[in-house]
PDB file of N, CA and C in Angstrom:
ATOM      1  N   MET A   1     -24.989 163.284  24.429  1.00  0.00           N
ATOM      2  CA  MET A   1     -23.680 162.412  25.456  1.00  0.00           C
ATOM      3  C   MET A   1     -23.005 163.535  26.101  1.00  0.00           C
ATOM      4  N   LYS A   2     -22.723 163.659  27.368  1.00  0.00           N
ATOM      5  CA  LYS A   2     -21.486 164.512  27.755  1.00  0.00           C
ATOM      6  C   LYS A   2     -20.190 164.296  27.754  1.00  0.00           C
ATOM      7  N   GLN A   3     -19.342 165.454  27.734  1.00  0.00           N
ATOM      8  CA  GLN A   3     -17.725 165.402  26.757  1.00  0.00           C
ATOM      9  C   GLN A   3     -17.252 166.401  27.764  1.00  0.00           C
ATOM     10  N   ALA A   4     -15.614 166.000  28.048  1.00  0.00           N
ATOM     11  CA  ALA A   4     -14.775 166.732  28.649  1.00  0.00           C
ATOM     12  C   ALA A   4     -13.794 166.754  27.971  1.00  0.00           C
ATOM     13  N   ILE A   5     -13.076 168.034  27.481  1.00  0.00           N
ATOM     14  CA  ILE A   5     -11.994 168.402  26.889  1.00  0.00           C
ATOM     15  C   ILE A   5     -11.017 169.490  27.076  1.00  0.00           C
ATOM     16  N   PHE A   6      -9.670 169.282  26.951  1.00  0.00           N
ATOM     17  CA  PHE A   6      -8.658 170.121  27.456  1.00  0.00           C
ATOM     18  C   PHE A   6      -8.576 170.591  26.044  1.00  0.00           C
ATOM     19  N   LEU A   7      -8.347 172.044  26.093  1.00  0.00           N
ATOM     20  CA  LEU A   7      -7.614 172.619  25.153  1.00  0.00           C
ATOM     21  C   LEU A   7      -6.154 173.366  25.572  1.00  0.00           C
ATOM     22  N   PHE A   8      -5.581 173.349  24.902  1.00  0.00           N
ATOM     23  CA  PHE A   8      -4.062 173.462  24.770  1.00  0.00           C
ATOM     24  C   PHE A   8      -3.591 174.878  24.168  1.00  0.00           C
ATOM     25  N   HIS A   9      -2.484 175.730  24.232  1.00  0.00           N
ATOM     26  CA  HIS A   9      -1.959 176.767  23.345  1.00  0.00           C
ATOM     27  C   HIS A   9      -1.090 175.763  22.193  1.00  0.00           C
ATOM     28  N   THR A  10      -0.667 174.454  22.968  1.00  0.00           N
ATOM     29  CA  THR A  10       0.827 174.433  21.823  1.00  0.00           C
ATOM     30  C   THR A  10       0.520 173.060  22.105  1.00  0.00           C
ATOM     31  N   SER A  11       0.804 171.899  20.844  1.00  0.00           N
ATOM     32  CA  SER A  11       1.028 170.557  20.787  1.00  0.00           C
ATOM     33  C   SER A  11       1.648 169.947  21.976  1.00  0.00           C
ATOM     34  N   THR A  12       2.371 170.705  22.272  1.00  0.00           N
ATOM     35  CA  THR A  12       3.919 169.833  23.155  1.00  0.00           C
ATOM     36  C   THR A  12       2.809 169.813  24.593  1.00  0.00           C
ATOM     37  N   SER A  13       2.413 170.843  24.704  1.00  0.00           N
ATOM     38  CA  SER A  13       1.201 170.782  26.286  1.00  0.00           C
ATOM     39  C   SER A  13       0.474 169.907  26.315  1.00  0.00           C
ATOM     40  N   ALA A  14      -0.230 169.778  25.284  1.00  0.00           N
ATOM     41  CA  ALA A  14      -0.933 168.376  24.978  1.00  0.00           C
ATOM     42  C   ALA A  14      -0.279 166.856  25.433  1.00  0.00           C
ATOM     43  N   LEU A  15       0.430 167.203  24.713  1.00  0.00           N
ATOM     44  CA  LEU A  15       1.317 165.724  25.071  1.00  0.00           C
ATOM     45  C   LEU A  15       1.954 165.360  26.165  1.00  0.00           C
ATOM     46  N   ARG A  16       2.391 166.425  26.745  1.00  0.00           N
ATOM     47  CA  ARG A  16       2.321 166.360  28.202  1.00  0.00           C
ATOM     48  C   ARG A  16       1.669 166.063  28.930  1.00  0.00           C
ATOM     49  N   ALA A  17       0.414 166.589  29.099  1.00  0.00           N
ATOM     50  CA  ALA A  17      -0.911 166.228  29.693  1.00  0.00           C
ATOM     51  C   ALA A  17      -0.989 164.925  29.430  1.00  0.00           C
ATOM     52  N   GLU A  18      -1.320 164.651  28.526  1.00  0.00           N
ATOM     53  CA  GLU A  18      -1.687 162.805  28.106  1.00  0.00           C
ATOM     54  C   GLU A  18      -0.502 162.005  29.012  1.00  0.00           C
ATOM     55  N   LYS A  19       0.450 162.272  28.816  1.00  0.00           N
ATOM     56  CA  LYS A  19       1.679 161.674  29.442  1.00  0.00           C
ATOM     57  C   LYS A  19       1.501 161.245  30.807  1.00  0.00           C
ATOM     58  N   LEU A  20       1.334 162.593  31.547  1.00  0.00           N
ATOM     59  CA  LEU A  20       1.025 163.025  32.696  1.00  0.00           C
ATOM     60  C   LEU A  20      -0.166 161.943  33.256  1.00  0.00           C
ATOM     61  N   LEU A  21      -1.728 162.412  32.489  1.00  0.00           N
ATOM     62  CA  LEU A  21      -2.757 161.748  33.383  1.00  0.00           C
ATOM     63  C   LEU A  21      -2.592 160.592  33.231  1.00  0.00           C
ATOM     64  N   LYS A  22      -2.415 159.733  31.793  1.00  0.00           N
ATOM     65  CA  LYS A  22      -1.727 158.394  31.839  1.00  0.00           C
ATOM     66  C   LYS A  22      -1.186 157.897  32.948  1.00  0.00           C
ATOM     67  N   ARG A  23      -0.010 158.540  32.829  1.00  0.00           N
ATOM     68  CA  ARG A  23       0.543 157.809  34.158  1.00  0.00           C
ATOM     69  C   ARG A  23      -0.047 157.681  35.439  1.00  0.00           C
ATOM     70  N   LEU A  24      -0.967 159.091  35.736  1.00  0.00           N
ATOM     71  CA  LEU A  24      -1.916 159.055  36.831  1.00  0.00           C
ATOM     72  C   LEU A  24      -3.264 157.926  36.916  1.00  0.00           C
ATOM     73  N   GLY A  25      -3.322 157.530  35.880  1.00  0.00           N
ATOM     74  CA  GLY A  25      -4.236 156.138  35.031  1.00  0.00           C
ATOM     75  C   GLY A  25      -5.845 157.022  35.169  1.00  0.00           C
ATOM     76  N   LEU A  26      -5.644 157.996  34.348  1.00  0.00           N
ATOM     77  CA  LEU A  26      -6.940 158.833  34.185  1.00  0.00           C
ATOM     78  C   LEU A  26      -7.316 157.956  32.581  1.00  0.00           C
ATOM     79  N   THR A  27      -8.757 158.131  32.115  1.00  0.00           N
ATOM     80  CA  THR A  27      -8.530 157.682  30.953  1.00  0.00           C
ATOM     81  C   THR A  27      -8.599 158.462  29.847  1.00  0.00           C
ATOM     82  N   VAL A  28      -7.583 158.905  29.068  1.00  0.00           N
ATOM     83  CA  VAL A  28      -7.631 159.895  28.046  1.00  0.00           C
ATOM     84  C   VAL A  28      -7.707 159.881  26.634  1.00  0.00           C
ATOM     85  N   LYS A  29      -7.883 160.923  25.712  1.00  0.00           N
ATOM     86  CA  LYS A  29      -7.403 160.574  24.355  1.00  0.00           C
ATOM     87  C   LYS A  29      -7.135 161.587  23.582  1.00  0.00           C
ATOM     88  N   LEU A  30      -5.910 161.933  22.876  1.00  0.00           N
ATOM     89  CA  LEU A  30      -5.838 163.135  21.906  1.00  0.00           C
ATOM     90  C   LEU A  30      -6.728 162.785  20.854  1.00  0.00           C
ATOM     91  N   VAL A  31      -7.052 163.736  20.595  1.00  0.00           N
ATOM     92  CA  VAL A  31      -8.391 163.957  19.502  1.00  0.00           C
ATOM     93  C   VAL A  31      -8.232 165.233  19.072  1.00  0.00           C
ATOM     94  N   PRO A  32      -8.363 165.500  17.484  1.00  0.00           N
ATOM     95  CA  PRO A  32      -8.461 166.706  17.045  1.00  0.00           C
ATOM     96  C   PRO A  32      -9.133 167.822  17.853  1.00  0.00           C
ATOM     97  N   THR A  33      -9.152 168.838  17.896  1.00  0.00           N
ATOM     98  CA  THR A  33      -9.497 170.347  18.521  1.00  0.00           C
ATOM     99  C   THR A  33     -10.778 170.446  17.549  1.00  0.00           C
ATOM    100  N   PRO A  34     -12.000 170.506  17.981  1.00  0.00           N
ATOM    101  CA  PRO A  34     -13.193 171.231  17.553  1.00  0.00           C
ATOM    102  C   PRO A  34     -13.158 172.987  17.457  1.00  0.00           C
ATOM    103  N   ARG A  35     -13.290 172.855  15.475  1.00  0.00           N
ATOM    104  CA  ARG A  35     -13.070 174.032  15.408  1.00  0.00           C
ATOM    105  C   ARG A  35     -13.953 175.297  15.990  1.00  0.00           C
ATOM    106  N   GLN A  36     -15.289 174.849  16.524  1.00  0.00           N
ATOM    107  CA  GLN A  36     -15.883 175.515  17.425  1.00  0.00           C
ATOM    108  C   GLN A  36     -15.236 175.808  18.942  1.00  0.00           C
ATOM    109  N   LEU A  37     -14.450 175.189  19.038  1.00  0.00           N
ATOM    110  CA  LEU A  37     -13.996 175.532  20.399  1.00  0.00           C
ATOM    111  C   LEU A  37     -12.791 176.672  20.512  1.00  0.00           C
ATOM    112  N   SER A  38     -11.975 176.156  19.365  1.00  0.00           N
ATOM    113  CA  SER A  38     -10.822 176.699  19.472  1.00  0.00           C
ATOM    114  C   SER A  38      -9.356 176.816  18.103  1.00  0.00           C
ATOM    115  N   SER A  39      -9.001 177.404  18.042  1.00  0.00           N
ATOM    116  CA  SER A  39      -8.113 177.436  16.543  1.00  0.00           C
ATOM    117  C   SER A  39      -6.711 177.619  17.176  1.00  0.00           C
ATOM    118  N   ASP A  40      -6.154 177.492  18.466  1.00  0.00           N
ATOM    119  CA  ASP A  40      -4.564 178.140  18.864  1.00  0.00           C
ATOM    120  C   ASP A  40      -3.870 176.455  18.648  1.00  0.00           C
ATOM    121  N   CYS A  41      -4.337 175.037  18.834  1.00  0.00           N
ATOM    122  CA  CYS A  41      -3.491 173.982  18.558  1.00  0.00           C
ATOM    123  C   CYS A  41      -4.472 173.269  18.396  1.00  0.00           C
ATOM    124  N   GLY A  42      -4.104 172.231  17.298  1.00  0.00           N
ATOM    125  CA  GLY A  42      -4.799 171.303  16.531  1.00  0.00           C
ATOM    126  C   GLY A  42      -5.439 170.221  17.366  1.00  0.00           C
ATOM    127  N   ILE A  43      -4.402 170.012  18.372  1.00  0.00           N
ATOM    128  CA  ILE A  43      -4.796 168.882  18.988  1.00  0.00           C
ATOM    129  C   ILE A  43      -5.267 169.143  20.625  1.00  0.00           C
ATOM    130  N   ALA A  44      -6.134 168.192  21.239  1.00  0.00           N
ATOM    131  CA  ALA A  44      -7.231 168.513  22.193  1.00  0.00           C
ATOM    132  C   ALA A  44      -6.941 167.099  22.735  1.00  0.00           C
ATOM    133  N   LEU A  45      -7.406 167.399  24.112  1.00  0.00           N
ATOM    134  CA  LEU A  45      -7.583 165.707  25.212  1.00  0.00           C
ATOM    135  C   LEU A  45      -8.672 165.564  25.528  1.00  0.00           C
ATOM    136  N   GLU A  46      -9.667 164.529  25.420  1.00  0.00           N
ATOM    137  CA  GLU A  46     -10.540 164.129  25.619  1.00  0.00           C
ATOM    138  C   GLU A  46     -10.628 163.534  27.033  1.00  0.00           C
ATOM    139  N   ILE A  47     -11.104 163.523  27.990  1.00  0.00           N
ATOM    140  CA  ILE A  47     -10.843 162.874  29.540  1.00  0.00           C
ATOM    141  C   ILE A  47     -12.652 162.562  29.671  1.00  0.00           C
ATOM    142  N   ALA A  48     -12.757 161.516  30.407  1.00  0.00           N
ATOM    143  CA  ALA A  48     -13.631 160.753  31.271  1.00  0.00           C
ATOM    144  C   ALA A  48     -14.333 162.446  31.900  1.00  0.00           C
ATOM    145  N   PRO A  49     -15.786 162.573  31.709  1.00  0.00           N
ATOM    146  CA  PRO A  49     -16.347 163.904  32.494  1.00  0.00           C
ATOM    147  C   PRO A  49     -16.326 163.539  33.673  1.00  0.00           C
ATOM    148  N   GLY A  50     -16.277 162.246  34.263  1.00  0.00           N
ATOM    149  CA  GLY A  50     -16.496 161.928  36.054  1.00  0.00           C
ATOM    150  C   GLY A  50     -14.597 162.241  36.388  1.00  0.00           C
ATOM    151  N   GLN A  51     -13.308 162.685  35.502  1.00  0.00           N
ATOM    152  CA  GLN A  51     -12.198 162.618  35.764  1.00  0.00           C
ATOM    153  C   GLN A  51     -11.632 164.038  35.469  1.00  0.00           C
ATOM    154  N   ALA A  52     -12.264 164.964  35.068  1.00  0.00           N
ATOM    155  CA  ALA A  52     -12.219 166.002  34.372  1.00  0.00           C
ATOM    156  C   ALA A  52     -11.861 167.150  35.308  1.00  0.00           C
ATOM    157  N   ARG A  53     -12.119 167.021  36.846  1.00  0.00           N
ATOM    158  CA  ARG A  53     -11.997 167.598  37.286  1.00  0.00           C
ATOM    159  C   ARG A  53     -10.815 167.606  38.296  1.00  0.00           C
ATOM    160  N   GLU A  54     -10.427 166.141  38.396  1.00  0.00           N
ATOM    161  CA  GLU A  54      -9.421 165.922  38.696  1.00  0.00           C
ATOM    162  C   GLU A  54      -8.034 165.805  38.002  1.00  0.00           C
ATOM    163  N   GLY A  55      -8.346 165.734  36.442  1.00  0.00           N
ATOM    164  CA  GLY A  55      -7.465 166.204  35.168  1.00  0.00           C
ATOM    165  C   GLY A  55      -7.247 167.242  35.437  1.00  0.00           C
ATOM    166  N   LEU A  56      -7.664 168.160  35.659  1.00  0.00           N
ATOM    167  CA  LEU A  56      -7.537 169.720  35.259  1.00  0.00           C
ATOM    168  C   LEU A  56      -6.804 170.110  36.604  1.00  0.00           C
ATOM    169  N   ALA A  57      -6.943 169.558  37.481  1.00  0.00           N
ATOM    170  CA  ALA A  57      -5.974 170.039  39.161  1.00  0.00           C
ATOM    171  C   ALA A  57      -4.491 169.601  38.523  1.00  0.00           C
ATOM    172  N   ARG A  58      -4.562 168.099  38.214  1.00  0.00           N
ATOM    173  CA  ARG A  58      -3.197 167.395  37.903  1.00  0.00           C
ATOM    174  C   ARG A  58      -2.485 168.512  36.901  1.00  0.00           C
ATOM    175  N   ILE A  59      -2.681 168.664  35.939  1.00  0.00           N
ATOM    176  CA  ILE A  59      -2.270 169.320  34.931  1.00  0.00           C
ATOM    177  C   ILE A  59      -1.842 170.820  35.373  1.00  0.00           C
ATOM    178  N   ALA A  60      -2.590 171.594  36.183  1.00  0.00           N
ATOM    179  CA  ALA A  60      -2.220 172.718  36.590  1.00  0.00           C
ATOM    180  C   ALA A  60      -1.131 172.498  37.614  1.00  0.00           C
ATOM    181  N   GLN A  61      -0.807 171.430  38.319  1.00  0.00           N
ATOM    182  CA  GLN A  61      -0.213 171.166  39.702  1.00  0.00           C
ATOM    183  C   GLN A  61       1.091 171.142  38.858  1.00  0.00           C
ATOM    184  N   ALA A  62       1.272 170.559  37.627  1.00  0.00           N
ATOM    185  CA  ALA A  62       2.251 170.369  36.530  1.00  0.00           C
ATOM    186  C   ALA A  62       2.833 171.501  35.696  1.00  0.00           C
ATOM    187  N   GLY A  63       2.071 172.835  35.767  1.00  0.00           N
ATOM    188  CA  GLY A  63       2.528 174.161  35.451  1.00  0.00           C
ATOM    189  C   GLY A  63       2.388 174.091  33.770  1.00  0.00           C
ATOM    190  N   ILE A  64       1.086 173.082  33.494  1.00  0.00           N
ATOM    191  CA  ILE A  64       0.543 172.923  32.103  1.00  0.00           C
ATOM    192  C   ILE A  64      -1.013 173.787  31.860  1.00  0.00           C
ATOM    193  N   GLU A  65      -0.449 174.714  30.545  1.00  0.00           N
ATOM    194  CA  GLU A  65      -1.479 175.582  30.442  1.00  0.00           C
ATOM    195  C   GLU A  65      -2.448 174.746  30.083  1.00  0.00           C
ATOM    196  N   ALA A  66      -4.150 174.748  30.555  1.00  0.00           N
ATOM    197  CA  ALA A  66      -5.147 174.110  29.561  1.00  0.00           C
ATOM    198  C   ALA A  66      -6.440 174.839  30.576  1.00  0.00           C
ATOM    199  N   THR A  67      -7.109 174.586  29.187  1.00  0.00           N
ATOM    200  CA  THR A  67      -8.482 175.155  29.350  1.00  0.00           C
ATOM    201  C   THR A  67      -9.625 173.974  29.368  1.00  0.00           C
ATOM    202  N   LEU A  68     -10.618 173.552  30.272  1.00  0.00           N
ATOM    203  CA  LEU A  68     -11.417 172.640  30.420  1.00  0.00           C
ATOM    204  C   LEU A  68     -12.594 172.977  29.667  1.00  0.00           C
ATOM    205  N   HIS A  69     -13.008 172.127  29.182  1.00  0.00           N
ATOM    206  CA  HIS A  69     -14.499 172.434  28.072  1.00  0.00           C
ATOM    207  C   HIS A  69     -15.520 171.202  28.400  1.00  0.00           C
ATOM    208  N   GLU A  70     -16.586 171.587  29.128  1.00  0.00           N
ATOM    209  CA  GLU A  70     -17.606 170.201  29.332  1.00  0.00           C
ATOM    210  C   GLU A  70     -19.104 170.654  28.110  1.00  0.00           C
ATOM    211  N   THR A  71     -19.005 169.940  27.476  1.00  0.00           N
ATOM    212  CA  THR A  71     -20.499 169.868  26.657  1.00  0.00           C
ATOM    213  C   THR A  71     -21.382 168.761  27.118  1.00  0.00           C
ATOM    214  N   GLY A  72     -23.040 168.847  26.402  1.00  0.00           N
ATOM    215  CA  GLY A  72     -23.762 167.641  26.623  1.00  0.00           C
ATOM    216  C   GLY A  72     -24.490 167.761  27.476  1.00  0.00           C
ATOM    217  N   ILE A  73     -25.083 166.471  27.731  1.00  0.00           N
ATOM    218  CA  ILE A  73     -25.828 166.623  29.136  1.00  0.00           C
ATOM    219  C   ILE A  73     -25.387 165.539  30.175  1.00  0.00           C
TER     220      ILE A  73
END
């Protein structure tokens, strides 16, 4: 199963990104950060894989630092 997750340095950034992307109509969900990906912040943001690139661009435009990780087939 394909999965796209945004990682953040702070939980505040994760919450700001969630609010922004939901307002834009993108499908996102706050999830615990998978340990194998990072230990910086305990909150990550899962997004529909087909919306990941648009989400990353919108987050960057808003000045929020995030890293996109895509996994699966």
